[in-house]
Amino acid sequence: MCEWGDTVPLMVPIPASCSHTGEFRWALKPIDRCIAPLVSALNKAGLYTRGACCGHGKLPPSVILDDDTFVVLMDRKTALEFFDRYGIDIHGNKTNKVDPDTMPCIKGDAGDE
């Protein structure tokens, strides 16, 4: 995460509903440096973003997509605590405790399958 104000200029989509022209357009806007690569990748993939914040150490990083979906990013520890707190597993099934070995793509080292 970066400090508030540590931004980089990035071309981002401006939805028609947010644009002073009333039309979809692209504009250069300041984006938090540490989340800018993700915002850029999402926009290049056609998942247009409406807003983003790295959280600056106070909240988890998040990106708002054009369809108002909020994408909240969590490290492994925070994700496990979240699932445990709400008594669900990664698939949304009710459980009493999350088994870290059942979470896909994050168990062990990057080389684990």
C-alpha atoms as a PDB file:
ATOM      1  CA  MET A   1       0.000   0.000   0.000  1.00  0.00           C
ATOM      2  CA  CYS A   2       1.081   3.558  -0.541  1.00  0.00           C
ATOM      3  CA  GLU A   3       0.578   6.806   1.305  1.00  0.00           C
ATOM      4  CA  TRP A   4      -2.360   9.033   0.454  1.00  0.00           C
ATOM      5  CA  GLY A   5      -1.331  11.247  -2.451  1.00  0.00           C
ATOM      6  CA  ASP A   6       1.234   8.782  -3.879  1.00  0.00           C
ATOM      7  CA  THR A   7      -0.405   8.473  -7.279  1.00  0.00           C
ATOM      8  CA  VAL A   8       0.475   7.887 -10.898  1.00  0.00           C
ATOM      9  CA  PRO A   9      -1.390   9.269 -13.909  1.00  0.00           C
ATOM     10  CA  LEU A  10      -3.386   6.545 -15.646  1.00  0.00           C
ATOM     11  CA  MET A  11      -5.831   6.583 -18.551  1.00  0.00           C
ATOM     12  CA  VAL A  12      -9.122   5.360 -17.098  1.00  0.00           C
ATOM     13  CA  PRO A  13     -12.645   5.064 -18.469  1.00  0.00           C
ATOM     14  CA  ILE A  14     -15.160   7.724 -17.535  1.00  0.00           C
ATOM     15  CA  PRO A  15     -18.687   6.288 -17.830  1.00  0.00           C
ATOM     16  CA  ALA A  16     -21.260   8.476 -19.543  1.00  0.00           C
ATOM     17  CA  SER A  17     -23.143   8.801 -16.244  1.00  0.00           C
ATOM     18  CA  CYS A  18     -20.042  10.366 -14.640  1.00  0.00           C
ATOM     19  CA  SER A  19     -18.846  12.390 -17.614  1.00  0.00           C
ATOM     20  CA  HIS A  20     -19.409  16.111 -18.030  1.00  0.00           C
ATOM     21  CA  THR A  21     -19.867  15.417 -21.747  1.00  0.00           C
ATOM     22  CA  GLY A  22     -22.589  12.834 -21.082  1.00  0.00           C
ATOM     23  CA  GLU A  23     -20.629  10.356 -23.194  1.00  0.00           C
ATOM     24  CA  PHE A  24     -18.205   7.551 -22.379  1.00  0.00           C
ATOM     25  CA  ARG A  25     -14.611   8.749 -22.657  1.00  0.00           C
ATOM     26  CA  TRP A  26     -11.097   8.072 -21.409  1.00  0.00           C
ATOM     27  CA  ALA A  27      -9.220  10.534 -19.197  1.00  0.00           C
ATOM     28  CA  LEU A  28      -5.882  10.757 -17.429  1.00  0.00           C
ATOM     29  CA  LYS A  29      -6.548  10.528 -13.672  1.00  0.00           C
ATOM     30  CA  PRO A  30      -4.367  10.084 -10.558  1.00  0.00           C
ATOM     31  CA  ILE A  31      -4.531   6.478  -9.298  1.00  0.00           C
ATOM     32  CA  ASP A  32      -2.867   5.134  -6.127  1.00  0.00           C
ATOM     33  CA  ARG A  33       0.552   3.942  -7.225  1.00  0.00           C
ATOM     34  CA  CYS A  34       0.338   0.504  -5.596  1.00  0.00           C
ATOM     35  CA  ILE A  35      -3.017  -0.402  -7.176  1.00  0.00           C
ATOM     36  CA  ALA A  36      -2.505   1.278 -10.578  1.00  0.00           C
ATOM     37  CA  PRO A  37      -1.153  -1.904 -12.284  1.00  0.00           C
ATOM     38  CA  LEU A  38      -4.326  -3.786 -11.299  1.00  0.00           C
ATOM     39  CA  VAL A  39      -6.582  -0.944 -12.453  1.00  0.00           C
ATOM     40  CA  SER A  40      -4.712  -0.796 -15.759  1.00  0.00           C
ATOM     41  CA  ALA A  41      -4.961  -4.569 -16.285  1.00  0.00           C
ATOM     42  CA  LEU A  42      -8.688  -4.642 -15.503  1.00  0.00           C
ATOM     43  CA  ASN A  43      -9.402  -1.795 -17.915  1.00  0.00           C
ATOM     44  CA  LYS A  44      -7.282  -3.383 -20.675  1.00  0.00           C
ATOM     45  CA  ALA A  45      -9.238  -6.624 -20.180  1.00  0.00           C
ATOM     46  CA  GLY A  46     -12.516  -4.746 -20.678  1.00  0.00           C
ATOM     47  CA  LEU A  47     -13.501  -4.804 -16.997  1.00  0.00           C
ATOM     48  CA  TYR A  48     -13.890  -1.054 -16.770  1.00  0.00           C
ATOM     49  CA  THR A  49     -13.250   0.539 -13.426  1.00  0.00           C
ATOM     50  CA  ARG A  50     -15.178   3.391 -11.851  1.00  0.00           C
ATOM     51  CA  GLY A  51     -12.950   3.932  -8.818  1.00  0.00           C
ATOM     52  CA  ALA A  52     -10.057   2.448  -6.869  1.00  0.00           C
ATOM     53  CA  CYS A  53      -8.259   2.930  -3.565  1.00  0.00           C
ATOM     54  CA  CYS A  54      -5.398   1.009  -2.007  1.00  0.00           C
ATOM     55  CA  GLY A  55      -6.811   1.633   1.485  1.00  0.00           C
ATOM     56  CA  HIS A  56      -3.647   3.359   2.686  1.00  0.00           C
ATOM     57  CA  GLY A  57      -3.206   0.844   5.502  1.00  0.00           C
ATOM     58  CA  LYS A  58      -6.616   1.589   7.012  1.00  0.00           C
ATOM     59  CA  LEU A  59      -8.855  -0.507   4.747  1.00  0.00           C
ATOM     60  CA  PRO A  60      -8.288  -3.331   2.271  1.00  0.00           C
ATOM     61  CA  PRO A  61      -7.558  -2.228  -1.294  1.00  0.00           C
ATOM     62  CA  SER A  62     -10.661  -2.085  -3.464  1.00  0.00           C
ATOM     63  CA  VAL A  63     -11.711  -1.435  -7.027  1.00  0.00           C
ATOM     64  CA  ILE A  64     -15.209  -0.487  -8.145  1.00  0.00           C
ATOM     65  CA  LEU A  65     -16.139  -1.874 -11.548  1.00  0.00           C
ATOM     66  CA  ASP A  66     -18.449  -0.091 -13.965  1.00  0.00           C
ATOM     67  CA  ASP A  67     -21.335  -2.439 -13.065  1.00  0.00           C
ATOM     68  CA  ASP A  68     -20.997  -1.335  -9.381  1.00  0.00           C
ATOM     69  CA  THR A  69     -19.279  -4.589  -8.359  1.00  0.00           C
ATOM     70  CA  PHE A  70     -16.823  -3.939  -5.528  1.00  0.00           C
ATOM     71  CA  VAL A  71     -13.646  -6.002  -5.714  1.00  0.00           C
ATOM     72  CA  VAL A  72     -12.013  -6.067  -2.276  1.00  0.00           C
ATOM     73  CA  LEU A  73      -8.487  -7.458  -2.092  1.00  0.00           C
ATOM     74  CA  MET A  74      -7.296  -9.372   0.953  1.00  0.00           C
ATOM     75  CA  ASP A  75      -4.107 -11.163   1.833  1.00  0.00           C
ATOM     76  CA  ARG A  76      -4.368 -14.822   2.875  1.00  0.00           C
ATOM     77  CA  LYS A  77      -4.521 -14.099   6.611  1.00  0.00           C
ATOM     78  CA  THR A  78      -7.267 -11.491   6.245  1.00  0.00           C
ATOM     79  CA  ALA A  79      -9.275 -13.732   3.891  1.00  0.00           C
ATOM     80  CA  LEU A  80      -9.109 -16.657   6.324  1.00  0.00           C
ATOM     81  CA  GLU A  81     -10.190 -14.399   9.189  1.00  0.00           C
ATOM     82  CA  PHE A  82     -13.084 -13.096   7.059  1.00  0.00           C
ATOM     83  CA  PHE A  83     -14.315 -16.573   6.149  1.00  0.00           C
ATOM     84  CA  ASP A  84     -13.912 -17.765   9.738  1.00  0.00           C
ATOM     85  CA  ARG A  85     -15.762 -14.734  11.129  1.00  0.00           C
ATOM     86  CA  TYR A  86     -18.751 -15.332   8.862  1.00  0.00           C
ATOM     87  CA  GLY A  87     -18.675 -19.125   9.192  1.00  0.00           C
ATOM     88  CA  ILE A  88     -18.319 -19.830   5.479  1.00  0.00           C
ATOM     89  CA  ASP A  89     -15.745 -21.441   3.257  1.00  0.00           C
ATOM     90  CA  ILE A  90     -14.431 -20.018  -0.003  1.00  0.00           C
ATOM     91  CA  HIS A  91     -17.387 -21.573  -1.842  1.00  0.00           C
ATOM     92  CA  GLY A  92     -19.972 -19.925   0.427  1.00  0.00           C
ATOM     93  CA  ASN A  93     -20.815 -23.121   2.296  1.00  0.00           C
ATOM     94  CA  LYS A  94     -21.552 -22.778   6.007  1.00  0.00           C
ATOM     95  CA  THR A  95     -18.789 -24.148   8.179  1.00  0.00           C
ATOM     96  CA  ASN A  96     -17.407 -23.692  11.651  1.00  0.00           C
ATOM     97  CA  LYS A  97     -13.826 -23.197  10.543  1.00  0.00           C
ATOM     98  CA  VAL A  98     -11.964 -22.677   7.303  1.00  0.00           C
ATOM     99  CA  ASP A  99      -9.291 -25.214   6.429  1.00  0.00           C
ATOM    100  CA  PRO A 100      -6.444 -23.293   4.752  1.00  0.00           C
ATOM    101  CA  ASP A 101      -5.565 -26.369   2.684  1.00  0.00           C
ATOM    102  CA  THR A 102      -8.974 -26.291   0.977  1.00  0.00           C
ATOM    103  CA  MET A 103      -8.513 -22.773  -0.364  1.00  0.00           C
ATOM    104  CA  PRO A 104      -7.561 -23.061  -4.042  1.00  0.00           C
ATOM    105  CA  CYS A 105      -4.460 -21.412  -5.477  1.00  0.00           C
ATOM    106  CA  ILE A 106      -3.093 -20.086  -2.181  1.00  0.00           C
ATOM    107  CA  LYS A 107      -1.893 -23.093  -0.201  1.00  0.00           C
ATOM    108  CA  GLY A 108       1.806 -23.478   0.439  1.00  0.00           C
ATOM    109  CA  ASP A 109       4.379 -22.092  -1.940  1.00  0.00           C
ATOM    110  CA  ALA A 110       3.603 -20.823  -5.415  1.00  0.00           C
ATOM    111  CA  GLY A 111       4.803 -24.154  -6.825  1.00  0.00           C
ATOM    112  CA  ASP A 112       2.128 -26.192  -5.007  1.00  0.00           C
ATOM    113  CA  GLU A 113      -0.792 -27.501  -7.032  1.00  0.00           C
END
